[in-house]
Amino acid sequence: MALKTFNVEEAVYSKFSKFCKENGISMSKQVELFMRSYMAEEPQVRREYLDKLEKIRKGKFIKVSSIAGEFGA
């Protein structure tokens, strides 16, 4: 395991941190899973992750258009 530093907009970090805390998700594990899935030709996902993802999908949603506006997109 390696400790890495990334530059992330504070607003994005804060929202994602809150989201992870509310859903009992490890932020660093989510970043790792994102990187693995991005680089893999055929990513494999554990059942535990799929169960958490399904729980999230049934939760509250944020409109994408409102997020893009907040971050200057």
PDB file of N, CA and C in Angstrom:
ATOM      1  N   MET A   1       0.853  -1.166   0.000  1.00  0.00           N
ATOM      2  CA  MET A   1       0.000   0.000   0.000  1.00  0.00           C
ATOM      3  C   MET A   1       0.897   1.227   0.000  1.00  0.00           C
ATOM      4  N   ALA A   2       0.572   2.184  -0.844  1.00  0.00           N
ATOM      5  CA  ALA A   2       1.368   3.395  -0.958  1.00  0.00           C
ATOM      6  C   ALA A   2       0.501   4.610  -0.618  1.00  0.00           C
ATOM      7  N   LEU A   3       1.090   5.561   0.048  1.00  0.00           N
ATOM      8  CA  LEU A   3       0.403   6.802   0.363  1.00  0.00           C
ATOM      9  C   LEU A   3       0.678   7.782  -0.768  1.00  0.00           C
ATOM     10  N   LYS A   4      -0.372   8.294  -1.398  1.00  0.00           N
ATOM     11  CA  LYS A   4      -0.248   9.220  -2.521  1.00  0.00           C
ATOM     12  C   LYS A   4      -1.005  10.502  -2.194  1.00  0.00           C
ATOM     13  N   THR A   5      -0.600  11.578  -2.807  1.00  0.00           N
ATOM     14  CA  THR A   5      -1.256  12.862  -2.631  1.00  0.00           C
ATOM     15  C   THR A   5      -1.854  13.298  -3.962  1.00  0.00           C
ATOM     16  N   PHE A   6      -3.108  13.762  -3.908  1.00  0.00           N
ATOM     17  CA  PHE A   6      -3.788  14.233  -5.106  1.00  0.00           C
ATOM     18  C   PHE A   6      -4.342  15.617  -4.831  1.00  0.00           C
ATOM     19  N   ASN A   7      -4.368  16.447  -5.851  1.00  0.00           N
ATOM     20  CA  ASN A   7      -4.992  17.757  -5.748  1.00  0.00           C
ATOM     21  C   ASN A   7      -6.427  17.635  -6.233  1.00  0.00           C
ATOM     22  N   VAL A   8      -7.368  17.935  -5.336  1.00  0.00           N
ATOM     23  CA  VAL A   8      -8.789  17.839  -5.637  1.00  0.00           C
ATOM     24  C   VAL A   8      -9.449  19.121  -5.158  1.00  0.00           C
ATOM     25  N   GLU A   9     -10.412  19.612  -5.939  1.00  0.00           N
ATOM     26  CA  GLU A   9     -11.126  20.812  -5.509  1.00  0.00           C
ATOM     27  C   GLU A   9     -11.775  20.558  -4.154  1.00  0.00           C
ATOM     28  N   GLU A  10     -11.694  21.541  -3.264  1.00  0.00           N
ATOM     29  CA  GLU A  10     -12.207  21.391  -1.908  1.00  0.00           C
ATOM     30  C   GLU A  10     -13.696  21.048  -1.894  1.00  0.00           C
ATOM     31  N   ALA A  11     -14.466  21.692  -2.750  1.00  0.00           N
ATOM     32  CA  ALA A  11     -15.915  21.437  -2.778  1.00  0.00           C
ATOM     33  C   ALA A  11     -16.215  19.996  -3.191  1.00  0.00           C
ATOM     34  N   VAL A  12     -15.488  19.488  -4.169  1.00  0.00           N
ATOM     35  CA  VAL A  12     -15.679  18.107  -4.619  1.00  0.00           C
ATOM     36  C   VAL A  12     -15.297  17.150  -3.501  1.00  0.00           C
ATOM     37  N   TYR A  13     -14.146  17.398  -2.882  1.00  0.00           N
ATOM     38  CA  TYR A  13     -13.682  16.547  -1.785  1.00  0.00           C
ATOM     39  C   TYR A  13     -14.682  16.532  -0.632  1.00  0.00           C
ATOM     40  N   SER A  14     -15.171  17.686  -0.248  1.00  0.00           N
ATOM     41  CA  SER A  14     -16.102  17.782   0.876  1.00  0.00           C
ATOM     42  C   SER A  14     -17.383  17.013   0.611  1.00  0.00           C
ATOM     43  N   LYS A  15     -17.937  17.169  -0.581  1.00  0.00           N
ATOM     44  CA  LYS A  15     -19.183  16.473  -0.920  1.00  0.00           C
ATOM     45  C   LYS A  15     -18.968  14.962  -0.977  1.00  0.00           C
ATOM     46  N   PHE A  16     -17.857  14.543  -1.578  1.00  0.00           N
ATOM     47  CA  PHE A  16     -17.603  13.106  -1.681  1.00  0.00           C
ATOM     48  C   PHE A  16     -17.301  12.515  -0.311  1.00  0.00           C
ATOM     49  N   SER A  17     -16.592  13.247   0.523  1.00  0.00           N
ATOM     50  CA  SER A  17     -16.294  12.803   1.879  1.00  0.00           C
ATOM     51  C   SER A  17     -17.582  12.609   2.669  1.00  0.00           C
ATOM     52  N   LYS A  18     -18.472  13.576   2.595  1.00  0.00           N
ATOM     53  CA  LYS A  18     -19.759  13.485   3.287  1.00  0.00           C
ATOM     54  C   LYS A  18     -20.554  12.297   2.773  1.00  0.00           C
ATOM     55  N   PHE A  19     -20.585  12.122   1.466  1.00  0.00           N
ATOM     56  CA  PHE A  19     -21.296  11.004   0.844  1.00  0.00           C
ATOM     57  C   PHE A  19     -20.759   9.672   1.355  1.00  0.00           C
ATOM     58  N   CYS A  20     -19.444   9.532   1.394  1.00  0.00           N
ATOM     59  CA  CYS A  20     -18.825   8.287   1.860  1.00  0.00           C
ATOM     60  C   CYS A  20     -19.148   8.023   3.331  1.00  0.00           C
ATOM     61  N   LYS A  21     -19.077   9.057   4.163  1.00  0.00           N
ATOM     62  CA  LYS A  21     -19.380   8.899   5.584  1.00  0.00           C
ATOM     63  C   LYS A  21     -20.827   8.485   5.798  1.00  0.00           C
ATOM     64  N   GLU A  22     -21.739   9.118   5.075  1.00  0.00           N
ATOM     65  CA  GLU A  22     -23.161   8.806   5.219  1.00  0.00           C
ATOM     66  C   GLU A  22     -23.486   7.383   4.785  1.00  0.00           C
ATOM     67  N   ASN A  23     -22.703   6.845   3.860  1.00  0.00           N
ATOM     68  CA  ASN A  23     -22.983   5.519   3.323  1.00  0.00           C
ATOM     69  C   ASN A  23     -22.020   4.446   3.814  1.00  0.00           C
ATOM     70  N   GLY A  24     -21.171   4.810   4.772  1.00  0.00           N
ATOM     71  CA  GLY A  24     -20.246   3.836   5.342  1.00  0.00           C
ATOM     72  C   GLY A  24     -19.251   3.281   4.339  1.00  0.00           C
ATOM     73  N   ILE A  25     -18.766   4.155   3.463  1.00  0.00           N
ATOM     74  CA  ILE A  25     -17.864   3.755   2.389  1.00  0.00           C
ATOM     75  C   ILE A  25     -16.478   4.347   2.639  1.00  0.00           C
ATOM     76  N   SER A  26     -15.451   3.577   2.332  1.00  0.00           N
ATOM     77  CA  SER A  26     -14.086   4.062   2.434  1.00  0.00           C
ATOM     78  C   SER A  26     -13.764   4.902   1.194  1.00  0.00           C
ATOM     79  N   MET A  27     -13.429   6.175   1.420  1.00  0.00           N
ATOM     80  CA  MET A  27     -13.130   7.054   0.292  1.00  0.00           C
ATOM     81  C   MET A  27     -11.921   6.553  -0.495  1.00  0.00           C
ATOM     82  N   SER A  28     -10.870   6.173   0.186  1.00  0.00           N
ATOM     83  CA  SER A  28      -9.665   5.723  -0.510  1.00  0.00           C
ATOM     84  C   SER A  28      -9.937   4.446  -1.305  1.00  0.00           C
ATOM     85  N   LYS A  29     -10.787   3.573  -0.771  1.00  0.00           N
ATOM     86  CA  LYS A  29     -11.120   2.344  -1.499  1.00  0.00           C
ATOM     87  C   LYS A  29     -11.921   2.681  -2.762  1.00  0.00           C
ATOM     88  N   GLN A  30     -12.777   3.690  -2.706  1.00  0.00           N
ATOM     89  CA  GLN A  30     -13.546   4.099  -3.879  1.00  0.00           C
ATOM     90  C   GLN A  30     -12.620   4.640  -4.971  1.00  0.00           C
ATOM     91  N   VAL A  31     -11.625   5.413  -4.571  1.00  0.00           N
ATOM     92  CA  VAL A  31     -10.659   5.944  -5.537  1.00  0.00           C
ATOM     93  C   VAL A  31      -9.876   4.786  -6.161  1.00  0.00           C
ATOM     94  N   GLU A  32      -9.458   3.843  -5.327  1.00  0.00           N
ATOM     95  CA  GLU A  32      -8.732   2.682  -5.836  1.00  0.00           C
ATOM     96  C   GLU A  32      -9.592   1.868  -6.807  1.00  0.00           C
ATOM     97  N   LEU A  33     -10.853   1.633  -6.443  1.00  0.00           N
ATOM     98  CA  LEU A  33     -11.740   0.881  -7.334  1.00  0.00           C
ATOM     99  C   LEU A  33     -11.959   1.616  -8.653  1.00  0.00           C
ATOM    100  N   PHE A  34     -12.082   2.943  -8.578  1.00  0.00           N
ATOM    101  CA  PHE A  34     -12.234   3.732  -9.802  1.00  0.00           C
ATOM    102  C   PHE A  34     -11.013   3.555 -10.704  1.00  0.00           C
ATOM    103  N   MET A  35      -9.819   3.666 -10.122  1.00  0.00           N
ATOM    104  CA  MET A  35      -8.600   3.538 -10.927  1.00  0.00           C
ATOM    105  C   MET A  35      -8.484   2.138 -11.536  1.00  0.00           C
ATOM    106  N   ARG A  36      -8.789   1.134 -10.738  1.00  0.00           N
ATOM    107  CA  ARG A  36      -8.726  -0.247 -11.259  1.00  0.00           C
ATOM    108  C   ARG A  36      -9.707  -0.451 -12.399  1.00  0.00           C
ATOM    109  N   SER A  37     -10.943   0.007 -12.223  1.00  0.00           N
ATOM    110  CA  SER A  37     -11.947  -0.193 -13.261  1.00  0.00           C
ATOM    111  C   SER A  37     -11.614   0.615 -14.516  1.00  0.00           C
ATOM    112  N   TYR A  38     -11.010   1.769 -14.334  1.00  0.00           N
ATOM    113  CA  TYR A  38     -10.640   2.616 -15.467  1.00  0.00           C
ATOM    114  C   TYR A  38      -9.544   1.962 -16.304  1.00  0.00           C
ATOM    115  N   MET A  39      -8.629   1.273 -15.651  1.00  0.00           N
ATOM    116  CA  MET A  39      -7.492   0.667 -16.344  1.00  0.00           C
ATOM    117  C   MET A  39      -7.749  -0.761 -16.814  1.00  0.00           C
ATOM    118  N   ALA A  40      -8.698  -1.447 -16.225  1.00  0.00           N
ATOM    119  CA  ALA A  40      -8.941  -2.851 -16.549  1.00  0.00           C
ATOM    120  C   ALA A  40      -9.773  -2.997 -17.820  1.00  0.00           C
ATOM    121  N   GLU A  41      -9.443  -4.013 -18.583  1.00  0.00           N
ATOM    122  CA  GLU A  41     -10.259  -4.318 -19.759  1.00  0.00           C
ATOM    123  C   GLU A  41     -11.582  -4.932 -19.327  1.00  0.00           C
ATOM    124  N   GLU A  42     -11.517  -5.807 -18.349  1.00  0.00           N
ATOM    125  CA  GLU A  42     -12.708  -6.455 -17.827  1.00  0.00           C
ATOM    126  C   GLU A  42     -12.671  -6.380 -16.304  1.00  0.00           C
ATOM    127  N   PRO A  43     -13.092  -5.249 -15.744  1.00  0.00           N
ATOM    128  CA  PRO A  43     -13.012  -5.105 -14.288  1.00  0.00           C
ATOM    129  C   PRO A  43     -13.885  -6.128 -13.574  1.00  0.00           C
ATOM    130  N   GLN A  44     -13.385  -6.616 -12.452  1.00  0.00           N
ATOM    131  CA  GLN A  44     -14.137  -7.542 -11.621  1.00  0.00           C
ATOM    132  C   GLN A  44     -14.513  -6.813 -10.341  1.00  0.00           C
ATOM    133  N   VAL A  45     -15.762  -6.966  -9.958  1.00  0.00           N
ATOM    134  CA  VAL A  45     -16.269  -6.259  -8.793  1.00  0.00           C
ATOM    135  C   VAL A  45     -16.729  -7.285  -7.755  1.00  0.00           C
ATOM    136  N   ARG A  46     -16.376  -7.028  -6.505  1.00  0.00           N
ATOM    137  CA  ARG A  46     -16.780  -7.924  -5.429  1.00  0.00           C
ATOM    138  C   ARG A  46     -18.258  -7.722  -5.091  1.00  0.00           C
ATOM    139  N   ARG A  47     -18.891  -8.767  -4.610  1.00  0.00           N
ATOM    140  CA  ARG A  47     -20.307  -8.732  -4.232  1.00  0.00           C
ATOM    141  C   ARG A  47     -20.554  -7.642  -3.181  1.00  0.00           C
ATOM    142  N   GLU A  48     -19.640  -7.470  -2.233  1.00  0.00           N
ATOM    143  CA  GLU A  48     -19.790  -6.451  -1.195  1.00  0.00           C
ATOM    144  C   GLU A  48     -19.935  -5.063  -1.823  1.00  0.00           C
ATOM    145  N   TYR A  49     -19.120  -4.774  -2.832  1.00  0.00           N
ATOM    146  CA  TYR A  49     -19.187  -3.476  -3.503  1.00  0.00           C
ATOM    147  C   TYR A  49     -20.516  -3.322  -4.243  1.00  0.00           C
ATOM    148  N   LEU A  50     -20.955  -4.389  -4.931  1.00  0.00           N
ATOM    149  CA  LEU A  50     -22.226  -4.328  -5.656  1.00  0.00           C
ATOM    150  C   LEU A  50     -23.403  -4.104  -4.713  1.00  0.00           C
ATOM    151  N   ASP A  51     -23.364  -4.724  -3.526  1.00  0.00           N
ATOM    152  CA  ASP A  51     -24.425  -4.529  -2.548  1.00  0.00           C
ATOM    153  C   ASP A  51     -24.456  -3.086  -2.059  1.00  0.00           C
ATOM    154  N   LYS A  52     -23.282  -2.511  -1.776  1.00  0.00           N
ATOM    155  CA  LYS A  52     -23.221  -1.117  -1.348  1.00  0.00           C
ATOM    156  C   LYS A  52     -23.682  -0.187  -2.463  1.00  0.00           C
ATOM    157  N   LEU A  53     -23.298  -0.499  -3.687  1.00  0.00           N
ATOM    158  CA  LEU A  53     -23.703   0.313  -4.825  1.00  0.00           C
ATOM    159  C   LEU A  53     -25.214   0.291  -4.999  1.00  0.00           C
ATOM    160  N   GLU A  54     -25.830  -0.861  -4.829  1.00  0.00           N
ATOM    161  CA  GLU A  54     -27.285  -0.971  -4.942  1.00  0.00           C
ATOM    162  C   GLU A  54     -27.970  -0.146  -3.858  1.00  0.00           C
ATOM    163  N   LYS A  55     -27.417  -0.152  -2.653  1.00  0.00           N
ATOM    164  CA  LYS A  55     -27.964   0.654  -1.562  1.00  0.00           C
ATOM    165  C   LYS A  55     -27.880   2.140  -1.908  1.00  0.00           C
ATOM    166  N   ILE A  56     -26.768   2.545  -2.482  1.00  0.00           N
ATOM    167  CA  ILE A  56     -26.583   3.937  -2.881  1.00  0.00           C
ATOM    168  C   ILE A  56     -27.574   4.318  -3.969  1.00  0.00           C
ATOM    169  N   ARG A  57     -27.757   3.444  -4.931  1.00  0.00           N
ATOM    170  CA  ARG A  57     -28.681   3.729  -6.039  1.00  0.00           C
ATOM    171  C   ARG A  57     -30.101   3.973  -5.552  1.00  0.00           C
ATOM    172  N   LYS A  58     -30.461   3.357  -4.444  1.00  0.00           N
ATOM    173  CA  LYS A  58     -31.807   3.522  -3.892  1.00  0.00           C
ATOM    174  C   LYS A  58     -31.904   4.761  -3.014  1.00  0.00           C
ATOM    175  N   GLY A  59     -30.807   5.471  -2.823  1.00  0.00           N
ATOM    176  CA  GLY A  59     -30.771   6.631  -1.952  1.00  0.00           C
ATOM    177  C   GLY A  59     -31.123   7.918  -2.660  1.00  0.00           C
ATOM    178  N   LYS A  60     -30.751   9.005  -2.024  1.00  0.00           N
ATOM    179  CA  LYS A  60     -31.015  10.339  -2.570  1.00  0.00           C
ATOM    180  C   LYS A  60     -30.099  10.604  -3.761  1.00  0.00           C
ATOM    181  N   PHE A  61     -30.587  11.364  -4.710  1.00  0.00           N
ATOM    182  CA  PHE A  61     -29.800  11.703  -5.889  1.00  0.00           C
ATOM    183  C   PHE A  61     -29.625  13.206  -5.988  1.00  0.00           C
ATOM    184  N   ILE A  62     -28.532  13.601  -6.594  1.00  0.00           N
ATOM    185  CA  ILE A  62     -28.234  15.009  -6.842  1.00  0.00           C
ATOM    186  C   ILE A  62     -28.268  15.215  -8.349  1.00  0.00           C
ATOM    187  N   LYS A  63     -28.963  16.245  -8.793  1.00  0.00           N
ATOM    188  CA  LYS A  63     -29.018  16.517 -10.230  1.00  0.00           C
ATOM    189  C   LYS A  63     -27.627  16.863 -10.741  1.00  0.00           C
ATOM    190  N   VAL A  64     -27.215  16.244 -11.824  1.00  0.00           N
ATOM    191  CA  VAL A  64     -25.892  16.481 -12.393  1.00  0.00           C
ATOM    192  C   VAL A  64     -25.752  17.921 -12.844  1.00  0.00           C
ATOM    193  N   SER A  65     -26.783  18.489 -13.410  1.00  0.00           N
ATOM    194  CA  SER A  65     -26.698  19.860 -13.892  1.00  0.00           C
ATOM    195  C   SER A  65     -26.404  20.834 -12.757  1.00  0.00           C
ATOM    196  N   SER A  66     -26.942  20.578 -11.553  1.00  0.00           N
ATOM    197  CA  SER A  66     -26.688  21.484 -10.443  1.00  0.00           C
ATOM    198  C   SER A  66     -25.260  21.348  -9.924  1.00  0.00           C
ATOM    199  N   ILE A  67     -24.684  20.151  -9.990  1.00  0.00           N
ATOM    200  CA  ILE A  67     -23.306  19.956  -9.559  1.00  0.00           C
ATOM    201  C   ILE A  67     -22.354  20.644 -10.541  1.00  0.00           C
ATOM    202  N   ALA A  68     -22.603  20.486 -11.830  1.00  0.00           N
ATOM    203  CA  ALA A  68     -21.734  21.081 -12.839  1.00  0.00           C
ATOM    204  C   ALA A  68     -21.696  22.601 -12.679  1.00  0.00           C
ATOM    205  N   GLY A  69     -22.835  23.192 -12.369  1.00  0.00           N
ATOM    206  CA  GLY A  69     -22.888  24.638 -12.183  1.00  0.00           C
ATOM    207  C   GLY A  69     -22.080  25.106 -10.980  1.00  0.00           C
ATOM    208  N   GLU A  70     -22.066  24.293  -9.928  1.00  0.00           N
ATOM    209  CA  GLU A  70     -21.343  24.663  -8.722  1.00  0.00           C
ATOM    210  C   GLU A  70     -19.839  24.627  -8.905  1.00  0.00           C
ATOM    211  N   PHE A  71     -19.364  23.788  -9.808  1.00  0.00           N
ATOM    212  CA  PHE A  71     -17.931  23.604  -9.983  1.00  0.00           C
ATOM    213  C   PHE A  71     -17.390  24.318 -11.217  1.00  0.00           C
ATOM    214  N   GLY A  72     -18.177  25.223 -11.749  1.00  0.00           N
ATOM    215  CA  GLY A  72     -17.696  26.054 -12.840  1.00  0.00           C
ATOM    216  C   GLY A  72     -17.660  25.362 -14.184  1.00  0.00           C
ATOM    217  N   ALA A  73     -18.418  24.285 -14.364  1.00  0.00           N
ATOM    218  CA  ALA A  73     -18.437  23.599 -15.651  1.00  0.00           C
ATOM    219  C   ALA A  73     -19.438  24.219 -16.579  1.00  0.00           C
TER     220      ALA A  73
END
